[in-house]
PDB file of N, CA and C in Angstrom:
ATOM      1  N   MET A   1      25.073  -9.768 -10.349  1.00  0.00           N
ATOM      2  CA  MET A   1      23.677  -9.378 -10.257  1.00  0.00           C
ATOM      3  C   MET A   1      23.072  -9.197 -11.647  1.00  0.00           C
ATOM      4  N   LYS A   2      23.876  -8.797 -12.610  1.00  0.00           N
ATOM      5  CA  LYS A   2      23.359  -8.596 -13.961  1.00  0.00           C
ATOM      6  C   LYS A   2      22.879  -9.906 -14.568  1.00  0.00           C
ATOM      7  N   ASN A   3      23.570 -11.004 -14.264  1.00  0.00           N
ATOM      8  CA  ASN A   3      23.177 -12.300 -14.814  1.00  0.00           C
ATOM      9  C   ASN A   3      21.800 -12.720 -14.337  1.00  0.00           C
ATOM     10  N   TYR A   4      21.486 -12.438 -13.079  1.00  0.00           N
ATOM     11  CA  TYR A   4      20.171 -12.793 -12.545  1.00  0.00           C
ATOM     12  C   TYR A   4      19.073 -12.039 -13.279  1.00  0.00           C
ATOM     13  N   LYS A   5      19.315 -10.780 -13.570  1.00  0.00           N
ATOM     14  CA  LYS A   5      18.309  -9.978 -14.261  1.00  0.00           C
ATOM     15  C   LYS A   5      18.088 -10.497 -15.681  1.00  0.00           C
ATOM     16  N   LYS A   6      19.160 -10.915 -16.338  1.00  0.00           N
ATOM     17  CA  LYS A   6      19.020 -11.458 -17.687  1.00  0.00           C
ATOM     18  C   LYS A   6      18.235 -12.757 -17.679  1.00  0.00           C
ATOM     19  N   VAL A   7      18.536 -13.631 -16.726  1.00  0.00           N
ATOM     20  CA  VAL A   7      17.840 -14.915 -16.628  1.00  0.00           C
ATOM     21  C   VAL A   7      16.360 -14.695 -16.353  1.00  0.00           C
ATOM     22  N   ILE A   8      16.046 -13.814 -15.432  1.00  0.00           N
ATOM     23  CA  ILE A   8      14.652 -13.537 -15.084  1.00  0.00           C
ATOM     24  C   ILE A   8      13.923 -12.921 -16.272  1.00  0.00           C
ATOM     25  N   SER A   9      14.587 -12.038 -17.010  1.00  0.00           N
ATOM     26  CA  SER A   9      13.964 -11.426 -18.179  1.00  0.00           C
ATOM     27  C   SER A   9      13.656 -12.464 -19.248  1.00  0.00           C
ATOM     28  N   ILE A  10      14.586 -13.375 -19.487  1.00  0.00           N
ATOM     29  CA  ILE A  10      14.373 -14.418 -20.488  1.00  0.00           C
ATOM     30  C   ILE A  10      13.220 -15.325 -20.085  1.00  0.00           C
ATOM     31  N   ILE A  11      13.166 -15.717 -18.819  1.00  0.00           N
ATOM     32  CA  ILE A  11      12.080 -16.578 -18.335  1.00  0.00           C
ATOM     33  C   ILE A  11      10.743 -15.869 -18.476  1.00  0.00           C
ATOM     34  N   PHE A  12      10.698 -14.587 -18.149  1.00  0.00           N
ATOM     35  CA  PHE A  12       9.455 -13.826 -18.244  1.00  0.00           C
ATOM     36  C   PHE A  12       8.972 -13.744 -19.694  1.00  0.00           C
ATOM     37  N   VAL A  13       9.880 -13.476 -20.617  1.00  0.00           N
ATOM     38  CA  VAL A  13       9.495 -13.369 -22.024  1.00  0.00           C
ATOM     39  C   VAL A  13       8.987 -14.707 -22.543  1.00  0.00           C
ATOM     40  N   LEU A  14       9.662 -15.795 -22.209  1.00  0.00           N
ATOM     41  CA  LEU A  14       9.216 -17.112 -22.663  1.00  0.00           C
ATOM     42  C   LEU A  14       7.866 -17.485 -22.064  1.00  0.00           C
ATOM     43  N   ALA A  15       7.667 -17.193 -20.793  1.00  0.00           N
ATOM     44  CA  ALA A  15       6.397 -17.505 -20.144  1.00  0.00           C
ATOM     45  C   ALA A  15       5.263 -16.660 -20.724  1.00  0.00           C
ATOM     46  N   ALA A  16       5.550 -15.424 -21.060  1.00  0.00           N
ATOM     47  CA  ALA A  16       4.512 -14.532 -21.596  1.00  0.00           C
ATOM     48  C   ALA A  16       4.011 -15.012 -22.951  1.00  0.00           C
ATOM     49  N   ASN A  17       4.863 -15.660 -23.728  1.00  0.00           N
ATOM     50  CA  ASN A  17       4.441 -16.157 -25.035  1.00  0.00           C
ATOM     51  C   ASN A  17       3.399 -17.259 -24.930  1.00  0.00           C
ATOM     52  N   PHE A  18       3.416 -18.027 -23.849  1.00  0.00           N
ATOM     53  CA  PHE A  18       2.492 -19.151 -23.685  1.00  0.00           C
ATOM     54  C   PHE A  18       1.298 -18.813 -22.794  1.00  0.00           C
ATOM     55  N   ALA A  19       1.246 -17.640 -22.243  1.00  0.00           N
ATOM     56  CA  ALA A  19       0.241 -17.321 -21.235  1.00  0.00           C
ATOM     57  C   ALA A  19      -0.956 -16.534 -21.760  1.00  0.00           C
ATOM     58  N   PHE A  20      -0.985 -16.185 -23.014  1.00  0.00           N
ATOM     59  CA  PHE A  20      -2.083 -15.362 -23.511  1.00  0.00           C
ATOM     60  C   PHE A  20      -3.380 -16.143 -23.596  1.00  0.00           C
ATOM     61  N   ALA A  21      -4.477 -15.461 -23.350  1.00  0.00           N
ATOM     62  CA  ALA A  21      -5.796 -16.089 -23.297  1.00  0.00           C
ATOM     63  C   ALA A  21      -6.379 -16.258 -24.694  1.00  0.00           C
ATOM     64  N   CYS A  22      -7.329 -17.193 -24.779  1.00  0.00           N
ATOM     65  CA  CYS A  22      -8.043 -17.397 -26.037  1.00  0.00           C
ATOM     66  C   CYS A  22      -9.128 -16.319 -26.180  1.00  0.00           C
ATOM     67  N   GLU A  23      -9.783 -16.284 -27.344  1.00  0.00           N
ATOM     68  CA  GLU A  23     -10.775 -15.241 -27.621  1.00  0.00           C
ATOM     69  C   GLU A  23     -11.975 -15.294 -26.666  1.00  0.00           C
ATOM     70  N   ALA A  24     -12.433 -16.503 -26.327  1.00  0.00           N
ATOM     71  CA  ALA A  24     -13.589 -16.629 -25.434  1.00  0.00           C
ATOM     72  C   ALA A  24     -13.255 -16.119 -24.033  1.00  0.00           C
ATOM     73  N   CYS A  25     -12.046 -16.383 -23.574  1.00  0.00           N
ATOM     74  CA  CYS A  25     -11.649 -15.953 -22.232  1.00  0.00           C
ATOM     75  C   CYS A  25     -11.420 -14.448 -22.162  1.00  0.00           C
ATOM     76  N   LYS A  26     -10.995 -13.842 -23.265  1.00  0.00           N
ATOM     77  CA  LYS A  26     -10.769 -12.395 -23.279  1.00  0.00           C
ATOM     78  C   LYS A  26     -12.055 -11.637 -22.973  1.00  0.00           C
ATOM     79  N   LEU A  27     -13.179 -12.169 -23.419  1.00  0.00           N
ATOM     80  CA  LEU A  27     -14.461 -11.493 -23.206  1.00  0.00           C
ATOM     81  C   LEU A  27     -14.923 -11.551 -21.755  1.00  0.00           C
ATOM     82  N   GLN A  28     -14.444 -12.548 -20.980  1.00  0.00           N
ATOM     83  CA  GLN A  28     -14.873 -12.723 -19.594  1.00  0.00           C
ATOM     84  C   GLN A  28     -13.982 -12.003 -18.585  1.00  0.00           C
ATOM     85  N   GLN A  29     -12.853 -11.471 -19.032  1.00  0.00           N
ATOM     86  CA  GLN A  29     -11.879 -10.884 -18.116  1.00  0.00           C
ATOM     87  C   GLN A  29     -12.144  -9.401 -17.867  1.00  0.00           C
ATOM     88  N   PRO A  30     -11.746  -8.919 -16.679  1.00  0.00           N
ATOM     89  CA  PRO A  30     -11.772  -7.472 -16.451  1.00  0.00           C
ATOM     90  C   PRO A  30     -10.686  -6.800 -17.289  1.00  0.00           C
ATOM     91  N   LYS A  31     -10.752  -5.484 -17.432  1.00  0.00           N
ATOM     92  CA  LYS A  31      -9.816  -4.750 -18.283  1.00  0.00           C
ATOM     93  C   LYS A  31      -8.358  -4.992 -17.904  1.00  0.00           C
ATOM     94  N   LEU A  32      -8.058  -5.103 -16.618  1.00  0.00           N
ATOM     95  CA  LEU A  32      -6.680  -5.238 -16.149  1.00  0.00           C
ATOM     96  C   LEU A  32      -6.022  -6.526 -16.624  1.00  0.00           C
ATOM     97  N   THR A  33      -6.750  -7.635 -16.593  1.00  0.00           N
ATOM     98  CA  THR A  33      -6.167  -8.927 -16.968  1.00  0.00           C
ATOM     99  C   THR A  33      -6.659  -9.433 -18.319  1.00  0.00           C
ATOM    100  N   GLN A  34      -7.353  -8.612 -19.054  1.00  0.00           N
ATOM    101  CA  GLN A  34      -7.921  -9.052 -20.319  1.00  0.00           C
ATOM    102  C   GLN A  34      -6.817  -9.442 -21.298  1.00  0.00           C
ATOM    103  N   GLY A  35      -6.901 -10.664 -21.795  1.00  0.00           N
ATOM    104  CA  GLY A  35      -5.936 -11.147 -22.753  1.00  0.00           C
ATOM    105  C   GLY A  35      -4.758 -11.896 -22.154  1.00  0.00           C
ATOM    106  N   PHE A  36      -4.624 -11.893 -20.834  1.00  0.00           N
ATOM    107  CA  PHE A  36      -3.475 -12.542 -20.207  1.00  0.00           C
ATOM    108  C   PHE A  36      -3.803 -13.826 -19.468  1.00  0.00           C
ATOM    109  N   THR A  37      -5.045 -14.013 -19.059  1.00  0.00           N
ATOM    110  CA  THR A  37      -5.389 -15.193 -18.272  1.00  0.00           C
ATOM    111  C   THR A  37      -6.572 -15.922 -18.888  1.00  0.00           C
ATOM    112  N   HIS A  38      -6.717 -17.182 -18.537  1.00  0.00           N
ATOM    113  CA  HIS A  38      -7.834 -17.993 -19.010  1.00  0.00           C
ATOM    114  C   HIS A  38      -8.928 -18.055 -17.950  1.00  0.00           C
ATOM    115  N   GLY A  39     -10.151 -18.311 -18.368  1.00  0.00           N
ATOM    116  CA  GLY A  39     -11.263 -18.447 -17.438  1.00  0.00           C
ATOM    117  C   GLY A  39     -11.857 -17.114 -17.048  1.00  0.00           C
ATOM    118  N   GLY A  40     -12.770 -17.174 -16.089  1.00  0.00           N
ATOM    119  CA  GLY A  40     -13.409 -15.964 -15.593  1.00  0.00           C
ATOM    120  C   GLY A  40     -12.471 -15.161 -14.724  1.00  0.00           C
ATOM    121  N   GLY A  41     -12.743 -13.914 -14.589  1.00  0.00           N
ATOM    122  CA  GLY A  41     -11.889 -13.028 -13.804  1.00  0.00           C
ATOM    123  C   GLY A  41     -12.174 -13.116 -12.319  1.00  0.00           C
ATOM    124  N   PRO A  42     -11.351 -12.470 -11.510  1.00  0.00           N
ATOM    125  CA  PRO A  42     -11.578 -12.429 -10.068  1.00  0.00           C
ATOM    126  C   PRO A  42     -12.913 -11.746  -9.749  1.00  0.00           C
ATOM    127  N   ASP A  43     -13.604 -12.279  -8.744  1.00  0.00           N
ATOM    128  CA  ASP A  43     -14.934 -11.768  -8.423  1.00  0.00           C
ATOM    129  C   ASP A  43     -14.932 -10.676  -7.359  1.00  0.00           C
ATOM    130  N   SER A  44     -13.952 -10.677  -6.474  1.00  0.00           N
ATOM    131  CA  SER A  44     -13.958  -9.691  -5.398  1.00  0.00           C
ATOM    132  C   SER A  44     -12.556  -9.146  -5.172  1.00  0.00           C
ATOM    133  N   LYS A  45     -12.465  -8.171  -4.269  1.00  0.00           N
ATOM    134  CA  LYS A  45     -11.162  -7.588  -3.934  1.00  0.00           C
ATOM    135  C   LYS A  45     -10.284  -8.591  -3.196  1.00  0.00           C
ATOM    136  N   TRP A  46     -10.897  -9.539  -2.491  1.00  0.00           N
ATOM    137  CA  TRP A  46     -10.107 -10.576  -1.811  1.00  0.00           C
ATOM    138  C   TRP A  46      -9.382 -11.456  -2.822  1.00  0.00           C
ATOM    139  N   ASP A  47     -10.019 -11.709  -3.960  1.00  0.00           N
ATOM    140  CA  ASP A  47      -9.368 -12.496  -5.011  1.00  0.00           C
ATOM    141  C   ASP A  47      -8.113 -11.795  -5.514  1.00  0.00           C
ATOM    142  N   TRP A  48      -8.202 -10.463  -5.694  1.00  0.00           N
ATOM    143  CA  TRP A  48      -7.033  -9.702  -6.141  1.00  0.00           C
ATOM    144  C   TRP A  48      -5.919  -9.743  -5.101  1.00  0.00           C
ATOM    145  N   LEU A  49      -6.282  -9.687  -3.827  1.00  0.00           N
ATOM    146  CA  LEU A  49      -5.280  -9.755  -2.757  1.00  0.00           C
ATOM    147  C   LEU A  49      -4.584 -11.114  -2.765  1.00  0.00           C
ATOM    148  N   ILE A  50      -5.348 -12.167  -2.917  1.00  0.00           N
ATOM    149  CA  ILE A  50      -4.778 -13.518  -2.960  1.00  0.00           C
ATOM    150  C   ILE A  50      -3.849 -13.660  -4.167  1.00  0.00           C
ATOM    151  N   ILE A  51      -4.263 -13.149  -5.313  1.00  0.00           N
ATOM    152  CA  ILE A  51      -3.432 -13.215  -6.512  1.00  0.00           C
ATOM    153  C   ILE A  51      -2.128 -12.447  -6.311  1.00  0.00           C
ATOM    154  N   ALA A  52      -2.205 -11.267  -5.702  1.00  0.00           N
ATOM    155  CA  ALA A  52      -1.003 -10.466  -5.468  1.00  0.00           C
ATOM    156  C   ALA A  52      -0.040 -11.162  -4.511  1.00  0.00           C
ATOM    157  N   VAL A  53      -0.559 -11.751  -3.441  1.00  0.00           N
ATOM    158  CA  VAL A  53       0.297 -12.449  -2.476  1.00  0.00           C
ATOM    159  C   VAL A  53       0.964 -13.657  -3.136  1.00  0.00           C
ATOM    160  N   ILE A  54       0.215 -14.411  -3.903  1.00  0.00           N
ATOM    161  CA  ILE A  54       0.766 -15.578  -4.588  1.00  0.00           C
ATOM    162  C   ILE A  54       1.835 -15.149  -5.598  1.00  0.00           C
ATOM    163  N   ALA A  55       1.600 -14.060  -6.309  1.00  0.00           N
ATOM    164  CA  ALA A  55       2.582 -13.573  -7.282  1.00  0.00           C
ATOM    165  C   ALA A  55       3.883 -13.159  -6.596  1.00  0.00           C
ATOM    166  N   VAL A  56       3.775 -12.474  -5.470  1.00  0.00           N
ATOM    167  CA  VAL A  56       4.975 -12.052  -4.734  1.00  0.00           C
ATOM    168  C   VAL A  56       5.745 -13.269  -4.233  1.00  0.00           C
ATOM    169  N   ILE A  57       5.052 -14.242  -3.676  1.00  0.00           N
ATOM    170  CA  ILE A  57       5.710 -15.459  -3.180  1.00  0.00           C
ATOM    171  C   ILE A  57       6.378 -16.209  -4.331  1.00  0.00           C
ATOM    172  N   THR A  58       5.719 -16.291  -5.473  1.00  0.00           N
ATOM    173  CA  THR A  58       6.275 -17.001  -6.620  1.00  0.00           C
ATOM    174  C   THR A  58       7.536 -16.325  -7.140  1.00  0.00           C
ATOM    175  N   VAL A  59       7.501 -15.012  -7.296  1.00  0.00           N
ATOM    176  CA  VAL A  59       8.677 -14.282  -7.782  1.00  0.00           C
ATOM    177  C   VAL A  59       9.820 -14.393  -6.788  1.00  0.00           C
ATOM    178  N   TYR A  60       9.538 -14.237  -5.511  1.00  0.00           N
ATOM    179  CA  TYR A  60      10.551 -14.357  -4.454  1.00  0.00           C
ATOM    180  C   TYR A  60      11.201 -15.741  -4.482  1.00  0.00           C
ATOM    181  N   THR A  61      10.385 -16.778  -4.600  1.00  0.00           N
ATOM    182  CA  THR A  61      10.893 -18.146  -4.644  1.00  0.00           C
ATOM    183  C   THR A  61      11.729 -18.384  -5.892  1.00  0.00           C
ATOM    184  N   LEU A  62      11.276 -17.893  -7.031  1.00  0.00           N
ATOM    185  CA  LEU A  62      12.020 -18.059  -8.272  1.00  0.00           C
ATOM    186  C   LEU A  62      13.383 -17.381  -8.201  1.00  0.00           C
ATOM    187  N   ILE A  63      13.420 -16.154  -7.708  1.00  0.00           N
ATOM    188  CA  ILE A  63      14.684 -15.413  -7.615  1.00  0.00           C
ATOM    189  C   ILE A  63      15.673 -16.142  -6.717  1.00  0.00           C
ATOM    190  N   TYR A  64      15.237 -16.550  -5.547  1.00  0.00           N
ATOM    191  CA  TYR A  64      16.165 -17.201  -4.629  1.00  0.00           C
ATOM    192  C   TYR A  64      16.540 -18.613  -5.059  1.00  0.00           C
ATOM    193  N   SER A  65      15.658 -19.323  -5.719  1.00  0.00           N
ATOM    194  CA  SER A  65      16.032 -20.652  -6.204  1.00  0.00           C
ATOM    195  C   SER A  65      17.088 -20.542  -7.299  1.00  0.00           C
ATOM    196  N   LEU A  66      16.948 -19.573  -8.201  1.00  0.00           N
ATOM    197  CA  LEU A  66      17.964 -19.358  -9.230  1.00  0.00           C
ATOM    198  C   LEU A  66      19.276 -18.863  -8.613  1.00  0.00           C
ATOM    199  N   LYS A  67      19.165 -17.964  -7.664  1.00  0.00           N
ATOM    200  CA  LYS A  67      20.362 -17.412  -7.017  1.00  0.00           C
ATOM    201  C   LYS A  67      21.183 -18.522  -6.365  1.00  0.00           C
ATOM    202  N   TYR A  68      20.555 -19.377  -5.596  1.00  0.00           N
ATOM    203  CA  TYR A  68      21.285 -20.421  -4.882  1.00  0.00           C
ATOM    204  C   TYR A  68      21.641 -21.602  -5.775  1.00  0.00           C
ATOM    205  N   LEU A  69      21.001 -21.740  -6.907  1.00  0.00           N
ATOM    206  CA  LEU A  69      21.395 -22.777  -7.850  1.00  0.00           C
ATOM    207  C   LEU A  69      22.625 -22.340  -8.645  1.00  0.00           C
ATOM    208  N   ILE A  70      22.641 -21.078  -9.073  1.00  0.00           N
ATOM    209  CA  ILE A  70      23.748 -20.562  -9.868  1.00  0.00           C
ATOM    210  C   ILE A  70      24.999 -20.337  -9.023  1.00  0.00           C
ATOM    211  N   LYS A  71      24.836 -19.719  -7.865  1.00  0.00           N
ATOM    212  CA  LYS A  71      25.978 -19.435  -6.998  1.00  0.00           C
ATOM    213  C   LYS A  71      25.613 -19.848  -5.569  1.00  0.00           C
ATOM    214  N   PRO A  72      25.827 -21.123  -5.237  1.00  0.00           N
ATOM    215  CA  PRO A  72      25.368 -21.633  -3.948  1.00  0.00           C
ATOM    216  C   PRO A  72      26.091 -21.041  -2.741  1.00  0.00           C
ATOM    217  N   GLY A  73      27.327 -20.579  -2.901  1.00  0.00           N
ATOM    218  CA  GLY A  73      28.044 -19.977  -1.789  1.00  0.00           C
ATOM    219  C   GLY A  73      28.752 -20.979  -0.893  1.00  0.00           C
ATOM    220  N   GLU A  74      28.731 -22.229  -1.250  1.00  0.00           N
ATOM    221  CA  GLU A  74      29.423 -23.268  -0.490  1.00  0.00           C
ATOM    222  C   GLU A  74      30.857 -23.366  -0.984  1.00  0.00           C
ATOM    223  N   THR A  75      31.813 -23.481  -0.069  1.00  0.00           N
ATOM    224  CA  THR A  75      33.220 -23.564  -0.460  1.00  0.00           C
ATOM    225  C   THR A  75      33.727 -24.998  -0.493  1.00  0.00           C
ATOM    226  N   ASP A  76      33.036 -25.909   0.149  1.00  0.00           N
ATOM    227  CA  ASP A  76      33.453 -27.306   0.176  1.00  0.00           C
ATOM    228  C   ASP A  76      33.172 -27.952  -1.186  1.00  0.00           C
ATOM    229  N   LYS A  77      34.196 -28.494  -1.829  1.00  0.00           N
ATOM    230  CA  LYS A  77      34.038 -29.093  -3.159  1.00  0.00           C
ATOM    231  C   LYS A  77      33.193 -30.363  -3.139  1.00  0.00           C
ATOM    232  N   ASN A  78      32.996 -30.989  -1.983  1.00  0.00           N
ATOM    233  CA  ASN A  78      32.191 -32.211  -1.866  1.00  0.00           C
ATOM    234  C   ASN A  78      30.735 -31.914  -1.538  1.00  0.00           C
ATOM    235  N   HIS A  79      30.369 -30.645  -1.435  1.00  0.00           N
ATOM    236  CA  HIS A  79      28.994 -30.308  -1.093  1.00  0.00           C
ATOM    237  C   HIS A  79      28.059 -30.735  -2.232  1.00  0.00           C
ATOM    238  N   ILE A  80      26.869 -31.181  -1.887  1.00  0.00           N
ATOM    239  CA  ILE A  80      25.926 -31.742  -2.861  1.00  0.00           C
ATOM    240  C   ILE A  80      25.501 -30.728  -3.915  1.00  0.00           C
ATOM    241  N   LYS A  81      25.528 -29.442  -3.602  1.00  0.00           N
ATOM    242  CA  LYS A  81      25.135 -28.435  -4.569  1.00  0.00           C
ATOM    243  C   LYS A  81      26.101 -28.401  -5.764  1.00  0.00           C
ATOM    244  N   HIS A  82      27.348 -28.726  -5.528  1.00  0.00           N
ATOM    245  CA  HIS A  82      28.322 -28.715  -6.617  1.00  0.00           C
ATOM    246  C   HIS A  82      28.090 -29.857  -7.607  1.00  0.00           C
ATOM    247  N   SER A  83      27.434 -30.917  -7.184  1.00  0.00           N
ATOM    248  CA  SER A  83      27.139 -32.014  -8.111  1.00  0.00           C
ATOM    249  C   SER A  83      26.132 -31.563  -9.161  1.00  0.00           C
ATOM    250  N   ILE A  84      25.265 -30.631  -8.830  1.00  0.00           N
ATOM    251  CA  ILE A  84      24.300 -30.093  -9.790  1.00  0.00           C
ATOM    252  C   ILE A  84      25.011 -29.176 -10.795  1.00  0.00           C
ATOM    253  N   LEU A  85      25.942 -28.373 -10.301  1.00  0.00           N
ATOM    254  CA  LEU A  85      26.632 -27.425 -11.166  1.00  0.00           C
ATOM    255  C   LEU A  85      27.638 -28.096 -12.093  1.00  0.00           C
ATOM    256  N   ASN A  86      28.182 -29.229 -11.667  1.00  0.00           N
ATOM    257  CA  ASN A  86      29.159 -29.936 -12.508  1.00  0.00           C
ATOM    258  C   ASN A  86      28.458 -30.932 -13.338  1.00  0.00           C
TER     259      ASN A  86
END
């Protein structure tokens, strides 16, 4: 379990370095997302709900895709997942 946390931390740090907004976009953002996203900010509470749901789905998908890629749990040596690991 520790390896998964390290991998996720490294991915988050690398992604954060490329995700910062430019100066023009910082002026258009609300305080919460100022400096982190490009373009105009969310206009309503529904936008925030959609963003939160998408973020949860993305993190969930990332965790499980890494989990099953690193340790697929298949015991058959001819299983297709082992061709990726070897």
